[in-house]
Protein backbone atom coordinates (compact mmCIF):
# COMPACT_ATOMS: atom_id res chain seq x y z
CA MET A 1 30.75 -1.73 -17.91
CA GLN A 2 31.68 -3.99 -14.69
CA THR A 3 31.60 -0.80 -12.91
CA SER A 4 28.08 0.00 -13.90
CA ILE A 5 26.94 -3.97 -13.42
CA LYS A 6 28.36 -3.31 -9.70
CA GLU A 7 26.96 -0.21 -9.65
CA TRP A 8 23.43 -1.56 -11.07
CA ALA A 9 23.41 -4.29 -8.31
CA VAL A 10 24.90 -1.94 -5.29
CA SER A 11 21.37 0.38 -5.69
CA TYR A 12 18.77 -2.75 -5.97
CA LYS A 13 20.44 -3.98 -2.64
CA ARG A 14 19.67 -1.20 -1.23
CA THR A 15 16.35 -0.66 -2.23
CA ALA A 16 15.57 -4.18 -0.52
CA PHE A 17 17.80 -3.29 2.17
CA THR A 18 15.13 0.05 2.24
CA GLY A 19 12.18 -2.10 1.59
CA ALA A 20 12.47 -4.79 4.42
CA LEU A 21 13.19 -1.78 7.10
CA VAL A 22 9.54 -0.90 6.54
CA ALA A 23 8.51 -4.74 6.16
CA LEU A 24 9.58 -5.31 9.78
CA ALA A 25 7.73 -1.81 10.51
CA ILE A 26 4.24 -2.71 8.76
CA LEU A 27 4.19 -6.45 10.56
CA GLY A 28 1.63 -4.81 14.00
CA ASP A 29 -0.25 -3.09 11.29
CA SER A 30 -1.17 -6.22 9.06
CA PHE A 31 -1.27 -8.74 12.57
CA LEU A 32 -4.44 -6.39 13.12
CA TYR A 33 -6.25 -6.94 10.13
CA ALA A 34 -5.92 -10.82 10.74
CA ALA A 35 -6.11 -10.79 14.44
CA LEU A 36 -8.51 -7.72 15.34
CA PRO A 37 -11.60 -9.57 14.07
CA VAL A 38 -11.25 -12.88 15.52
CA HIS A 39 -9.63 -11.41 19.19
CA TYR A 40 -12.00 -7.99 19.53
CA ARG A 41 -13.09 -9.41 22.92
CA GLU A 42 -9.45 -9.69 24.29
CA ALA A 43 -8.37 -6.67 22.45
CA GLY A 44 -10.90 -5.08 24.97
CA VAL A 45 -12.94 -3.61 22.00
CA SER A 46 -16.50 -4.20 20.58
CA LEU A 47 -16.57 -5.57 17.16
CA ILE A 48 -18.10 -2.37 15.92
CA MET A 49 -14.94 -0.45 17.06
CA VAL A 50 -13.42 -3.15 14.87
CA GLY A 51 -14.23 -1.31 11.76
CA TRP A 52 -12.95 2.04 13.45
CA LEU A 53 -9.72 1.12 14.38
CA LEU A 54 -9.15 -0.87 10.81
CA SER A 55 -10.10 2.68 9.10
CA LEU A 56 -8.76 5.24 11.39
CA ASN A 57 -4.95 5.13 10.06
CA ARG A 58 -5.89 5.31 6.18
CA TRP A 59 -8.29 8.66 7.28
CA VAL A 60 -5.06 10.32 8.99
CA ARG A 61 -3.13 9.74 6.24
CA LEU A 62 -5.12 11.87 4.02
CA PHE A 63 -3.88 14.71 6.19
CA THR A 64 -0.22 13.49 7.27
CA ASN A 65 0.99 13.04 3.69
CA THR A 66 1.72 16.50 3.42
CA VAL A 67 3.12 17.31 6.60
CA ALA A 68 5.36 14.25 6.71
CA GLY A 69 6.29 15.95 3.40
CA TRP A 70 7.10 19.30 4.81
CA LEU A 71 9.07 17.07 7.91
CA GLY A 72 11.32 15.31 5.06
CA SER A 73 12.13 18.34 3.30
CA CYS A 74 12.88 20.23 6.52
CA LEU A 75 14.62 17.79 8.31
CA GLY A 76 16.16 15.14 6.16
CA TRP A 77 14.49 11.92 5.00
CA ASN A 78 17.26 10.07 6.92
CA THR A 79 15.88 11.81 9.92
CA VAL A 80 11.98 10.91 9.34
CA PHE A 81 12.46 7.15 8.33
CA THR A 82 14.57 6.36 10.93
CA ALA A 83 12.11 7.93 13.60
CA ALA A 84 9.18 6.26 12.30
CA LEU A 85 10.47 2.95 12.60
CA TRP A 86 10.67 4.15 16.13
CA LEU A 87 7.57 5.03 16.00
CA THR A 88 6.25 1.83 14.45
CA VAL A 89 7.67 0.08 17.72
CA ILE A 90 5.62 2.05 20.21
CA THR A 91 2.31 1.71 18.43
CA THR A 92 3.20 -2.24 18.31
CA PHE A 93 4.15 -2.56 21.49
CA GLY A 94 0.85 -0.71 22.77
CA TYR A 95 -1.48 -3.05 20.77
CA GLY A 96 -0.39 -5.92 23.11
CA ARG A 97 -0.20 -3.72 26.54
CA THR A 98 -3.56 -1.35 26.38
CA GLY A 99 -7.04 -2.49 26.12
CA SER A 100 -8.32 1.02 26.19
CA VAL A 101 -10.31 1.94 23.30
CA PRO A 102 -9.16 5.91 23.31
CA ILE A 103 -5.24 4.59 23.67
CA LEU A 104 -5.87 2.05 20.53
CA LEU A 105 -7.46 4.72 18.55
CA LEU A 106 -4.67 7.43 19.25
CA LEU A 107 -2.34 4.75 18.81
CA ARG A 108 -3.67 3.69 15.60
CA GLY A 109 -3.89 7.87 14.44
CA LEU A 110 0.12 7.30 14.79
CA TRP A 111 0.45 4.73 12.70
CA GLY A 112 -1.49 6.67 10.50
CA LEU A 113 1.84 9.02 10.24
CA CYS A 114 4.00 6.30 10.71
CA TRP A 115 2.93 5.37 7.52
CA SER A 116 2.76 8.48 5.57
CA LEU A 117 7.27 9.21 6.72
CA LEU A 118 7.46 5.30 6.62
CA ARG A 119 6.08 4.99 2.57
CA LEU A 120 7.46 8.99 2.06
CA GLY A 121 10.99 7.93 3.45
CA GLY A 122 11.14 4.88 1.54
CA GLN A 123 10.39 6.13 -1.85
CA ALA A 124 12.89 9.18 -1.71
CA ALA A 125 15.55 6.74 -1.23
CA VAL A 126 14.27 4.39 -4.26
CA LEU A 127 14.51 7.85 -5.77
CA ALA A 128 18.04 8.48 -4.72
CA GLU A 129 19.11 5.17 -5.58
CA SER A 130 17.69 5.04 -9.19
CA ALA A 131 18.21 6.58 -12.41
CA PRO A 132 15.06 7.78 -14.65
CA GLY A 133 14.58 4.80 -16.29
CA GLN A 134 15.22 2.21 -13.57
CA ARG A 135 12.88 3.70 -10.82
CA ALA A 136 9.48 1.63 -11.91
CA SER A 137 11.58 -1.30 -11.40
CA HIS A 138 13.12 0.08 -8.57
CA MET A 139 9.18 0.70 -7.28
CA GLY A 140 8.77 -2.66 -7.57
CA LEU A 141 11.33 -4.08 -5.80
CA PHE A 142 10.83 -1.60 -3.04
CA THR A 143 6.49 -2.62 -2.57
CA GLY A 144 7.74 -6.47 -2.71
CA MET A 145 9.84 -6.77 -0.30
CA TYR A 146 7.65 -4.73 2.58
CA ARG A 147 4.52 -6.03 1.37
CA LEU A 148 6.43 -9.19 2.77
CA GLY A 149 5.85 -7.74 6.19
CA SER A 150 2.39 -7.43 5.13
CA LEU A 151 2.26 -11.33 4.05
CA ALA A 152 4.37 -12.53 7.34
CA GLY A 153 2.21 -10.21 9.83
CA MET A 154 -1.21 -11.81 8.54
CA VAL A 155 -0.03 -15.30 8.24
CA VAL A 156 2.18 -15.37 11.56
CA GLY A 157 0.67 -12.70 13.60
CA GLY A 158 -2.67 -14.57 12.94
CA TYR A 159 -1.27 -17.82 13.70
CA LEU A 160 0.64 -16.18 16.80
CA ALA A 161 -2.58 -14.81 18.26
CA ASP A 162 -4.56 -18.25 18.29
CA ILE A 163 -1.79 -19.76 19.93
CA VAL A 164 -0.45 -17.35 22.57
CA GLY A 165 -3.80 -14.78 22.29
CA PHE A 166 -3.99 -11.70 20.65
CA LYS A 167 -1.75 -9.26 23.14
CA MET A 168 1.23 -11.34 23.56
CA ALA A 169 1.34 -11.85 20.18
CA ALA A 170 1.58 -8.34 19.40
CA LEU A 171 4.21 -8.00 21.91
CA TRP A 172 6.50 -10.47 20.38
CA LEU A 173 5.71 -8.74 17.34
CA SER A 174 7.49 -5.71 18.32
CA VAL A 175 10.65 -7.55 19.07
CA ALA A 176 10.67 -7.42 15.28
CA THR A 177 10.07 -3.96 14.98
CA VAL A 178 12.54 -3.58 17.44
CA LEU A 179 14.54 -5.41 15.37
CA GLY A 180 14.14 -2.77 12.31
CA ALA A 181 14.91 0.20 13.73
CA ILE A 182 18.13 -0.60 15.97
CA ILE A 183 19.03 -2.27 12.29
CA GLY A 184 17.94 1.40 10.19
CA SER A 185 19.78 3.67 13.23
CA LEU A 186 22.99 2.12 12.50
CA PRO A 187 25.44 2.09 9.55
CA PRO A 188 25.46 2.15 6.54
CA ALA A 189 21.67 2.66 7.28
CA ALA A 190 21.88 6.29 9.44
CA ASN A 191 24.81 8.17 7.75
CA GLY A 192 22.27 8.25 4.74
CA GLN A 193 24.62 5.91 2.68
CA TRP A 194 21.16 3.70 1.68
CA GLY A 195 18.76 6.20 1.26
CA ALA A 196 18.01 9.76 0.28
CA PRO A 197 19.79 13.34 0.08
CA ALA A 198 20.13 14.60 3.98
CA LYS A 199 18.15 17.79 3.28
CA GLU A 200 16.43 18.85 -0.60
CA GLU A 201 18.49 21.50 -1.82
CA GLY A 202 15.98 24.78 -2.55
CA VAL A 203 13.12 23.51 -1.10
CA ASN A 204 11.53 26.04 1.29
CA ARG A 205 8.07 25.09 2.65
CA ASP A 206 5.84 26.39 5.38
CA LEU A 207 3.66 23.50 7.43
CA LEU A 208 0.12 25.33 6.20
CA ARG A 209 1.63 25.26 2.65
CA ALA A 210 2.36 21.68 3.04
CA ALA A 211 -0.93 20.57 5.13
CA THR A 212 -2.98 22.53 2.10
CA GLY A 213 -1.09 21.66 -0.85
CA TRP A 214 -2.53 18.01 -2.41
CA ILE A 215 -3.62 19.54 -4.92
CA PRO A 216 -2.11 19.02 -8.13
CA GLU A 217 -0.23 20.77 -10.19
CA GLY A 218 -0.14 20.87 -14.51
CA HIS A 219 -1.47 18.23 -16.30
CA GLU A 220 0.69 15.55 -16.04
CA GLU A 221 0.31 15.25 -12.08
CA TRP A 222 -2.96 15.67 -12.02
CA VAL A 223 -3.31 12.25 -14.68
CA VAL A 224 -0.63 10.44 -11.92
CA CYS A 225 -3.18 11.12 -9.49
CA ILE A 226 -6.37 10.53 -10.69
CA CYS A 227 -5.12 7.13 -12.03
CA ALA A 228 -4.16 6.36 -8.54
CA ALA A 229 -6.93 7.34 -6.67
CA SER A 230 -9.07 5.18 -9.40
CA LEU A 231 -6.68 1.84 -9.18
CA TYR A 232 -6.71 1.83 -5.25
CA PHE A 233 -10.28 2.73 -5.07
CA VAL A 234 -10.71 -0.55 -6.65
CA THR A 235 -8.11 -2.99 -6.31
CA SER A 236 -7.63 -1.70 -2.26
CA GLY A 237 -10.52 -0.47 -1.52
CA ILE A 238 -13.92 -2.31 -3.20
CA VAL A 239 -11.95 -5.68 -4.15
CA THR A 240 -10.22 -6.51 -1.29
CA SER A 241 -12.97 -5.16 1.25
CA THR A 242 -15.50 -7.04 -0.60
CA VAL A 243 -13.55 -10.61 -1.14
CA GLY A 244 -15.03 -12.45 2.32
CA LEU A 245 -18.66 -11.33 1.20
CA LEU A 246 -17.83 -12.60 -2.52
CA VAL A 247 -16.68 -15.96 -0.85
CA THR A 248 -19.19 -16.11 1.32
CA THR A 249 -22.50 -14.85 -0.42
CA ARG A 250 -21.42 -17.01 -4.10
CA LEU A 251 -19.44 -19.83 -2.43
CA GLY A 252 -21.08 -20.40 0.99
CA ASP A 253 -20.18 -20.63 4.56
CA ARG A 254 -18.21 -23.66 3.31
CA ILE A 255 -16.41 -24.71 0.93
CA ALA A 256 -15.60 -28.15 -0.06
CA LEU A 257 -11.69 -28.69 -1.96
CA ASN A 258 -11.53 -32.77 -2.69
CA CYS A 259 -11.16 -34.04 1.12
CA TRP A 260 -10.43 -30.77 2.55
CA VAL A 261 -12.97 -28.73 3.58
CA LEU A 262 -12.46 -24.59 4.43
CA GLY A 263 -14.40 -21.79 6.08
CA ALA A 264 -15.42 -18.93 4.57
CA GLY A 265 -13.14 -16.76 6.18
CA ALA A 266 -9.78 -19.13 5.55
CA LEU A 267 -10.53 -19.62 2.16
CA SER A 268 -10.66 -15.35 1.94
CA GLY A 269 -7.72 -14.82 3.78
CA LEU A 270 -5.72 -16.90 1.47
CA LEU A 271 -6.92 -15.10 -1.32
CA LEU A 272 -6.09 -11.48 0.34
CA SER A 273 -2.78 -13.00 0.88
CA THR A 274 -2.17 -13.74 -2.92
CA ARG A 275 -2.17 -10.09 -3.52
CA TRP A 276 1.41 -9.22 -1.24
CA VAL A 277 2.81 -12.45 -2.96
CA ILE A 278 2.03 -11.38 -6.48
CA ASP A 279 3.31 -7.72 -5.34
CA PHE A 280 6.78 -9.54 -4.01
CA LEU A 281 7.43 -12.30 -6.75
CA LEU A 282 6.43 -9.88 -9.77
CA GLY A 283 6.51 -6.44 -8.81
CA PRO A 284 10.30 -6.08 -9.67
CA LEU A 285 10.04 -8.12 -13.46
CA LEU A 286 6.76 -6.17 -13.71
CA GLY A 287 8.44 -2.43 -12.73
CA TRP A 288 11.51 -3.99 -14.90
CA CYS A 289 8.68 -4.56 -18.09
CA THR A 290 7.08 -1.22 -17.60
CA ASP A 291 10.87 0.36 -17.66
CA ARG A 292 11.57 -1.46 -21.22
CA TRP A 293 8.27 -1.05 -22.72
CA GLY A 294 6.71 1.96 -21.32
CA ARG A 295 4.22 2.85 -18.24
CA SER A 296 1.31 3.70 -21.02
CA LEU A 297 1.18 0.32 -22.45
CA ALA A 298 1.56 -1.16 -18.92
CA LEU A 299 -1.31 1.23 -17.66
CA VAL A 300 -3.51 0.40 -20.63
CA ALA A 301 -3.38 -2.94 -20.34
CA GLY A 302 -3.65 -3.67 -16.86
CA TYR A 303 -6.29 -0.99 -16.40
CA LEU A 304 -8.25 -3.50 -19.57
CA ALA A 305 -7.55 -6.12 -17.39
CA ILE A 306 -9.28 -5.25 -14.21
CA VAL A 307 -12.40 -3.80 -15.84
CA MET A 308 -12.58 -7.06 -17.92
CA MET A 309 -12.06 -9.20 -14.32
CA LEU A 310 -14.49 -6.99 -12.43
CA PHE A 311 -17.29 -7.30 -15.44
CA VAL A 312 -16.49 -11.84 -14.40
CA LEU A 313 -16.44 -11.47 -10.83
CA SER A 314 -20.01 -9.43 -10.74
CA SER A 315 -21.73 -13.07 -12.43
CA ALA A 316 -19.00 -15.91 -10.99
CA ARG A 317 -20.24 -18.53 -9.47
CA GLY A 318 -17.44 -20.76 -9.66
CA LEU A 319 -14.32 -21.66 -7.30
CA LEU A 320 -12.14 -21.89 -10.19
CA VAL A 321 -13.39 -18.73 -11.64
CA ILE A 322 -13.19 -16.60 -8.84
CA VAL A 323 -9.84 -17.36 -7.83
CA LEU A 324 -8.15 -17.02 -11.09
CA SER A 325 -9.87 -13.46 -11.95
CA LEU A 326 -9.05 -12.26 -8.64
CA VAL A 327 -5.46 -13.90 -9.38
CA VAL A 328 -5.29 -11.50 -12.44
CA LEU A 329 -6.42 -8.98 -10.96
CA PHE A 330 -4.30 -8.40 -8.62
CA CYS A 331 -1.63 -9.05 -10.74
CA SER A 332 -3.14 -6.30 -13.33
CA GLY A 333 -3.39 -3.82 -10.27
CA THR A 334 0.14 -4.57 -9.29
CA ALA A 335 1.73 -3.57 -12.59
CA CYS A 336 -0.76 -0.59 -12.55
CA ALA A 337 0.58 0.55 -9.51
CA VAL A 338 4.54 -0.12 -10.32
CA ALA A 339 4.11 2.14 -13.32
CA LEU A 340 2.41 4.70 -11.17
CA ASP A 341 4.93 4.69 -8.53
CA GLY A 342 7.78 5.36 -11.08
CA TRP A 343 6.25 7.83 -13.28
CA ALA A 344 5.13 9.77 -9.92
CA GLY A 345 9.08 9.02 -9.08
CA ASP A 346 10.61 10.81 -12.09
CA ILE A 347 7.77 13.47 -11.32
CA ALA A 348 9.42 13.90 -7.99
CA GLY A 349 12.86 13.77 -9.55
CA ARG A 350 15.31 14.61 -6.68
CA THR A 351 12.68 16.50 -4.29
CA PRO A 352 10.04 14.23 -3.12
CA GLY A 353 8.70 16.13 -0.44
CA ARG A 354 7.02 18.30 -3.60
CA PHE A 355 5.12 15.64 -5.18
CA LEU A 356 5.42 12.40 -3.32
CA PRO A 357 2.95 13.53 -0.39
CA VAL A 358 0.54 14.71 -3.20
CA TYR A 359 0.58 11.58 -5.16
CA ALA A 360 0.37 9.40 -1.73
CA THR A 361 -2.50 11.66 -0.49
CA TRP A 362 -4.76 10.53 -3.30
CA ILE A 363 -3.80 7.36 -3.25
CA ASP A 364 -5.37 7.16 0.47
CA ALA A 365 -8.54 8.39 -0.69
CA GLY A 366 -9.16 5.99 -3.10
CA ALA A 367 -8.40 3.15 -0.57
CA ALA A 368 -10.37 4.73 2.35
CA VAL A 369 -13.63 5.33 0.46
CA GLY A 370 -13.87 2.40 -1.43
CA PRO A 371 -14.78 -0.10 0.72
CA LEU A 372 -17.68 2.64 2.09
CA MET A 373 -19.13 2.58 -1.32
CA GLY A 374 -18.80 -0.43 -1.90
CA TYR A 375 -20.58 -2.27 1.07
CA TYR A 376 -23.07 0.66 0.03
CA LEU A 377 -23.51 -0.63 -3.55
CA SER A 378 -23.29 -3.90 -2.46
CA GLU A 379 -26.29 -2.95 0.24
CA THR A 380 -28.60 -1.03 -1.34
CA CYS A 381 -28.01 -2.58 -4.53
CA SER A 382 -25.87 -5.91 -5.23
CA LEU A 383 -21.98 -6.93 -4.83
CA SER A 384 -22.25 -7.54 -8.67
CA TYR A 385 -23.70 -3.68 -9.10
CA GLY A 386 -21.41 -2.93 -7.08
CA TYR A 387 -18.38 -4.60 -9.30
CA ILE A 388 -19.63 -3.08 -12.41
CA ALA A 389 -19.90 0.29 -11.27
CA SER A 390 -16.17 -0.53 -10.57
CA ALA A 391 -15.65 -0.88 -14.01
CA GLY A 392 -17.53 1.75 -14.99
CA LEU A 393 -15.29 3.57 -12.85
CA ILE A 394 -11.91 3.07 -13.86
CA LEU A 395 -12.66 3.22 -17.39
CA ILE A 396 -13.79 6.96 -16.73
CA GLY A 397 -10.54 7.57 -14.61
CA GLY A 398 -9.26 6.15 -18.58
CA VAL A 399 -11.05 8.59 -20.13
CA ILE A 400 -10.13 11.50 -18.24
CA CYS A 401 -6.38 10.90 -17.96
CA TRP A 402 -6.54 10.07 -21.83
CA ALA A 403 -8.22 13.46 -22.34
CA LEU A 404 -5.40 15.14 -19.73
CA SER A 405 -2.69 13.82 -21.15
CA CYS A 406 -3.40 14.78 -24.82
CA ALA A 407 -4.01 18.28 -23.50
CA ALA A 408 -0.39 17.90 -21.93
CA GLN A 409 0.96 16.63 -24.58
CA ARG A 410 -0.77 19.78 -27.50
CA GLN A 411 0.97 22.45 -24.35
CA GLY A 412 4.24 20.63 -24.97
């Protein structure tokens, strides 16, 4: 009993360590989301180019996820994860040293590859450290730890950009990414004690097959991928991208809070940051609950809560209602995400290069299309219609997944 408790504690410690390395690596990317829309002139880009720079990496990942899976399977996940940490140093440092648009676009494309390697390498480490009945809680801990980097990049990076300027802030953040790369390259990280096996046994994948292998195989994989795409389409895509528009249209440019007055931009940033706080504080707990009571219950409850909150947001006018609805929606999204991560981990097993790249590609596809569809619906119809349509999409995705699950059970 004492040995099992000790092994359990060590496995969670290693998962947290992996997430902390990713948190340091993600600082520069999160910093851009907070600072670039405000300091784009100092960065040497136009306002229109800001949108391209912030979204390019998502589109790149539609192709780099499968390439990352091939690299991890062939070279070893520890190798590609450590290489990605050092490539991240180049991207973050580059943000502070160049004002050339083509180079910035190249750096954002490189970051897309980095994130594919970091996410899949980190998840491979989680699979190596967790038993099948503990994967959702490990995935929740991993996600919560690296989302601290998202939070720090937005809050600390945005503050530094206001104080010392955009380029100097990027250079300061690159020091933290260097620290993470050094730690990730030294024992015990480098010798594989924290991560996945060096190579996947029995895996022989050529690059062409990897680059075209984004189609799920079997009913169970289709269920997980459709659920993930619809979830991230709504939460990371439509809702996250339209929080600023929601605040501005429903509450105005300046919001009075007793003796405080907040601008719409500041309030939007605070609301968005609650998502990363929720991932950090509740991700491991929700993952543990999912492992204990089942993923189906977490997904059904989470999806229904998201649908209800979308309907509330479609007509909400008061600050309190909007804040509470977004918090509930983000909590439900985290619960669904850790449940799906754990499920995908069980499917992938000890060969993460087989399914995790497919799963990640469907996530990125949903997250990339969501903002475009959200603003298209908001401009052509209304923001309220966009939220109602999103609720309908979640329901349709849930019905499709239920039908596929029933078909899988009948085949089993």
